């Protein structure tokens, strides 16, 4: 979690002017997390 937070902070430092790119990046990360958790739940429920 700390590495992700520092990565986002460094990403924000590089793009101080373009704050919209950070929002889009966070949205993408959130969508990827949702898809990953959904696939994990499906994979674990398949054997049952």
PDB file of N, CA and C in Angstrom:
ATOM      1  N   UNK A   1       0.831  -1.206   0.000  1.00  0.00           N
ATOM      2  CA  UNK A   1       0.000   0.000   0.000  1.00  0.00           C
ATOM      3  C   UNK A   1       0.871   1.263   0.000  1.00  0.00           C
ATOM      4  N   UNK A   2       1.952   1.253   0.780  1.00  0.00           N
ATOM      5  CA  UNK A   2       2.826   2.427   0.846  1.00  0.00           C
ATOM      6  C   UNK A   2       3.485   2.692  -0.496  1.00  0.00           C
ATOM      7  N   UNK A   3       3.896   1.625  -1.195  1.00  0.00           N
ATOM      8  CA  UNK A   3       4.556   1.797  -2.489  1.00  0.00           C
ATOM      9  C   UNK A   3       3.595   2.406  -3.508  1.00  0.00           C
ATOM     10  N   UNK A   4       2.322   1.977  -3.456  1.00  0.00           N
ATOM     11  CA  UNK A   4       1.313   2.521  -4.374  1.00  0.00           C
ATOM     12  C   UNK A   4       1.084   3.997  -4.065  1.00  0.00           C
ATOM     13  N   UNK A   5       1.022   4.320  -2.765  1.00  0.00           N
ATOM     14  CA  UNK A   5       0.785   5.711  -2.357  1.00  0.00           C
ATOM     15  C   UNK A   5       1.939   6.611  -2.794  1.00  0.00           C
ATOM     16  N   UNK A   6       3.170   6.140  -2.607  1.00  0.00           N
ATOM     17  CA  UNK A   6       4.342   6.928  -3.007  1.00  0.00           C
ATOM     18  C   UNK A   6       4.388   7.074  -4.523  1.00  0.00           C
ATOM     19  N   UNK A   7       3.959   6.021  -5.239  1.00  0.00           N
ATOM     20  CA  UNK A   7       3.923   6.081  -6.704  1.00  0.00           C
ATOM     21  C   UNK A   7       2.934   7.142  -7.167  1.00  0.00           C
ATOM     22  N   UNK A   8       1.750   7.179  -6.528  1.00  0.00           N
ATOM     23  CA  UNK A   8       0.732   8.173  -6.881  1.00  0.00           C
ATOM     24  C   UNK A   8       1.243   9.579  -6.550  1.00  0.00           C
ATOM     25  N   UNK A   9       1.927   9.717  -5.402  1.00  0.00           N
ATOM     26  CA  UNK A   9       2.470  11.025  -5.007  1.00  0.00           C
ATOM     27  C   UNK A   9       3.523  11.496  -6.006  1.00  0.00           C
ATOM     28  N   UNK A  10       4.423  10.593  -6.412  1.00  0.00           N
ATOM     29  CA  UNK A  10       5.452  10.957  -7.389  1.00  0.00           C
ATOM     30  C   UNK A  10       4.811  11.260  -8.743  1.00  0.00           C
ATOM     31  N   UNK A  11       3.764  10.500  -9.093  1.00  0.00           N
ATOM     32  CA  UNK A  11       3.031  10.733 -10.338  1.00  0.00           C
ATOM     33  C   UNK A  11       2.398  12.116 -10.315  1.00  0.00           C
ATOM     34  N   UNK A  12       1.849  12.496  -9.148  1.00  0.00           N
ATOM     35  CA  UNK A  12       1.242  13.816  -8.983  1.00  0.00           C
ATOM     36  C   UNK A  12       2.268  14.928  -9.063  1.00  0.00           C
ATOM     37  N   UNK A  13       3.468  14.684  -8.531  1.00  0.00           N
ATOM     38  CA  UNK A  13       4.531  15.694  -8.581  1.00  0.00           C
ATOM     39  C   UNK A  13       4.958  15.954 -10.020  1.00  0.00           C
ATOM     40  N   UNK A  14       5.014  14.894 -10.834  1.00  0.00           N
ATOM     41  CA  UNK A  14       5.406  15.064 -12.232  1.00  0.00           C
ATOM     42  C   UNK A  14       4.326  15.809 -13.022  1.00  0.00           C
ATOM     43  N   UNK A  15       3.054  15.562 -12.673  1.00  0.00           N
ATOM     44  CA  UNK A  15       1.941  16.193 -13.397  1.00  0.00           C
ATOM     45  C   UNK A  15       1.158  17.118 -12.463  1.00  0.00           C
ATOM     46  N   UNK A  16       1.821  18.168 -11.992  1.00  0.00           N
ATOM     47  CA  UNK A  16       1.144  19.128 -11.112  1.00  0.00           C
ATOM     48  C   UNK A  16       0.124  19.954 -11.891  1.00  0.00           C
ATOM     49  N   UNK A  17       0.449  20.272 -13.160  1.00  0.00           N
ATOM     50  CA  UNK A  17      -0.439  21.098 -13.980  1.00  0.00           C
ATOM     51  C   UNK A  17      -1.655  20.275 -14.418  1.00  0.00           C
ATOM     52  N   UNK A  18      -1.401  19.055 -14.909  1.00  0.00           N
ATOM     53  CA  UNK A  18      -2.476  18.210 -15.438  1.00  0.00           C
ATOM     54  C   UNK A  18      -3.022  17.318 -14.326  1.00  0.00           C
ATOM     55  N   UNK A  19      -3.966  17.860 -13.548  1.00  0.00           N
ATOM     56  CA  UNK A  19      -4.542  17.098 -12.431  1.00  0.00           C
ATOM     57  C   UNK A  19      -5.583  16.093 -12.917  1.00  0.00           C
ATOM     58  N   UNK A  20      -6.139  16.319 -14.121  1.00  0.00           N
ATOM     59  CA  UNK A  20      -7.155  15.402 -14.658  1.00  0.00           C
ATOM     60  C   UNK A  20      -6.563  14.025 -14.928  1.00  0.00           C
ATOM     61  N   UNK A  21      -5.295  13.981 -15.349  1.00  0.00           N
ATOM     62  CA  UNK A  21      -4.645  12.700 -15.653  1.00  0.00           C
ATOM     63  C   UNK A  21      -4.557  11.826 -14.406  1.00  0.00           C
ATOM     64  N   UNK A  22      -4.359  12.455 -13.229  1.00  0.00           N
ATOM     65  CA  UNK A  22      -4.288  11.696 -11.974  1.00  0.00           C
ATOM     66  C   UNK A  22      -5.650  11.079 -11.674  1.00  0.00           C
ATOM     67  N   UNK A  23      -6.725  11.846 -11.907  1.00  0.00           N
ATOM     68  CA  UNK A  23      -8.083  11.341 -11.646  1.00  0.00           C
ATOM     69  C   UNK A  23      -8.373  10.154 -12.563  1.00  0.00           C
ATOM     70  N   UNK A  24      -8.015  10.289 -13.850  1.00  0.00           N
ATOM     71  CA  UNK A  24      -8.231   9.191 -14.796  1.00  0.00           C
ATOM     72  C   UNK A  24      -7.406   7.967 -14.422  1.00  0.00           C
ATOM     73  N   UNK A  25      -6.172   8.200 -13.947  1.00  0.00           N
ATOM     74  CA  UNK A  25      -5.300   7.105 -13.522  1.00  0.00           C
ATOM     75  C   UNK A  25      -5.909   6.367 -12.336  1.00  0.00           C
ATOM     76  N   UNK A  26      -6.445   7.119 -11.366  1.00  0.00           N
ATOM     77  CA  UNK A  26      -7.077   6.508 -10.191  1.00  0.00           C
ATOM     78  C   UNK A  26      -8.326   5.730 -10.595  1.00  0.00           C
ATOM     79  N   UNK A  27      -9.111   6.279 -11.531  1.00  0.00           N
ATOM     80  CA  UNK A  27     -10.303   5.582 -12.022  1.00  0.00           C
ATOM     81  C   UNK A  27      -9.918   4.272 -12.701  1.00  0.00           C
ATOM     82  N   UNK A  28      -8.879   4.307 -13.524  1.00  0.00           N
ATOM     83  CA  UNK A  28      -8.399   3.097 -14.197  1.00  0.00           C
ATOM     84  C   UNK A  28      -7.955   2.050 -13.185  1.00  0.00           C
ATOM     85  N   UNK A  29      -7.199   2.482 -12.177  1.00  0.00           N
ATOM     86  CA  UNK A  29      -6.725   1.558 -11.142  1.00  0.00           C
ATOM     87  C   UNK A  29      -7.907   0.945 -10.396  1.00  0.00           C
ATOM     88  N   UNK A  30      -8.929   1.752 -10.105  1.00  0.00           N
ATOM     89  CA  UNK A  30     -10.118   1.265  -9.391  1.00  0.00           C
ATOM     90  C   UNK A  30     -10.867   0.239 -10.230  1.00  0.00           C
ATOM     91  N   UNK A  31     -11.021   0.507 -11.532  1.00  0.00           N
ATOM     92  CA  UNK A  31     -11.715  -0.422 -12.437  1.00  0.00           C
ATOM     93  C   UNK A  31     -10.937  -1.728 -12.543  1.00  0.00           C
ATOM     94  N   UNK A  32      -9.603  -1.637 -12.645  1.00  0.00           N
ATOM     95  CA  UNK A  32      -8.765  -2.840 -12.734  1.00  0.00           C
ATOM     96  C   UNK A  32      -8.910  -3.674 -11.464  1.00  0.00           C
ATOM     97  N   UNK A  33      -8.944  -3.005 -10.302  1.00  0.00           N
ATOM     98  CA  UNK A  33      -9.119  -3.710  -9.024  1.00  0.00           C
ATOM     99  C   UNK A  33     -10.474  -4.411  -8.979  1.00  0.00           C
ATOM    100  N   UNK A  34     -11.525  -3.737  -9.444  1.00  0.00           N
ATOM    101  CA  UNK A  34     -12.863  -4.336  -9.456  1.00  0.00           C
ATOM    102  C   UNK A  34     -12.888  -5.579 -10.339  1.00  0.00           C
ATOM    103  N   UNK A  35     -12.308  -5.481 -11.539  1.00  0.00           N
ATOM    104  CA  UNK A  35     -12.276  -6.618 -12.468  1.00  0.00           C
ATOM    105  C   UNK A  35     -11.471  -7.770 -11.871  1.00  0.00           C
ATOM    106  N   UNK A  36     -10.344  -7.446 -11.237  1.00  0.00           N
ATOM    107  CA  UNK A  36      -9.491  -8.479 -10.642  1.00  0.00           C
ATOM    108  C   UNK A  36     -10.216  -9.201  -9.515  1.00  0.00           C
ATOM    109  N   UNK A  37     -10.870  -8.452  -8.629  1.00  0.00           N
ATOM    110  CA  UNK A  37     -11.592  -9.073  -7.512  1.00  0.00           C
ATOM    111  C   UNK A  37     -12.759  -9.909  -8.029  1.00  0.00           C
ATOM    112  N   UNK A  38     -13.441  -9.410  -9.057  1.00  0.00           N
ATOM    113  CA  UNK A  38     -14.567 -10.150  -9.635  1.00  0.00           C
ATOM    114  C   UNK A  38     -14.100 -11.477 -10.231  1.00  0.00           C
ATOM    115  N   UNK A  39     -12.981 -11.447 -10.947  1.00  0.00           N
ATOM    116  CA  UNK A  39     -12.442 -12.669 -11.551  1.00  0.00           C
ATOM    117  C   UNK A  39     -11.984 -13.648 -10.475  1.00  0.00           C
ATOM    118  N   UNK A  40     -11.398 -13.129  -9.389  1.00  0.00           N
ATOM    119  CA  UNK A  40     -10.956 -13.992  -8.285  1.00  0.00           C
ATOM    120  C   UNK A  40     -12.159 -14.664  -7.639  1.00  0.00           C
ATOM    121  N   UNK A  41     -13.236 -13.896  -7.421  1.00  0.00           N
ATOM    122  CA  UNK A  41     -14.453 -14.460  -6.817  1.00  0.00           C
ATOM    123  C   UNK A  41     -15.025 -15.549  -7.734  1.00  0.00           C
ATOM    124  N   UNK A  42     -15.046 -15.290  -9.038  1.00  0.00           N
ATOM    125  CA  UNK A  42     -15.557 -16.280  -9.992  1.00  0.00           C
ATOM    126  C   UNK A  42     -14.692 -17.538  -9.983  1.00  0.00           C
ATOM    127  N   UNK A  43     -13.371 -17.377  -9.945  1.00  0.00           N
ATOM    128  CA  UNK A  43     -12.458 -18.523  -9.946  1.00  0.00           C
ATOM    129  C   UNK A  43     -12.605 -19.357  -8.682  1.00  0.00           C
ATOM    130  N   UNK A  44     -12.842 -18.705  -7.542  1.00  0.00           N
ATOM    131  CA  UNK A  44     -12.979 -19.438  -6.282  1.00  0.00           C
ATOM    132  C   UNK A  44     -14.341 -20.114  -6.192  1.00  0.00           C
ATOM    133  N   UNK A  45     -15.358 -19.541  -6.834  1.00  0.00           N
ATOM    134  CA  UNK A  45     -16.700 -20.118  -6.761  1.00  0.00           C
ATOM    135  C   UNK A  45     -16.894 -21.251  -7.771  1.00  0.00           C
ATOM    136  N   UNK A  46     -16.040 -21.347  -8.779  1.00  0.00           N
ATOM    137  CA  UNK A  46     -16.169 -22.390  -9.806  1.00  0.00           C
ATOM    138  C   UNK A  46     -16.015 -23.800  -9.214  1.00  0.00           C
ATOM    139  N   UNK A  47     -14.982 -24.081  -8.376  1.00  0.00           N
ATOM    140  CA  UNK A  47     -14.841 -25.436  -7.824  1.00  0.00           C
ATOM    141  C   UNK A  47     -16.010 -25.853  -6.930  1.00  0.00           C
ATOM    142  N   UNK A  48     -16.620 -24.884  -6.232  1.00  0.00           N
ATOM    143  CA  UNK A  48     -17.741 -25.204  -5.341  1.00  0.00           C
ATOM    144  C   UNK A  48     -18.948 -25.634  -6.159  1.00  0.00           C
TER     145      UNK A  48
END
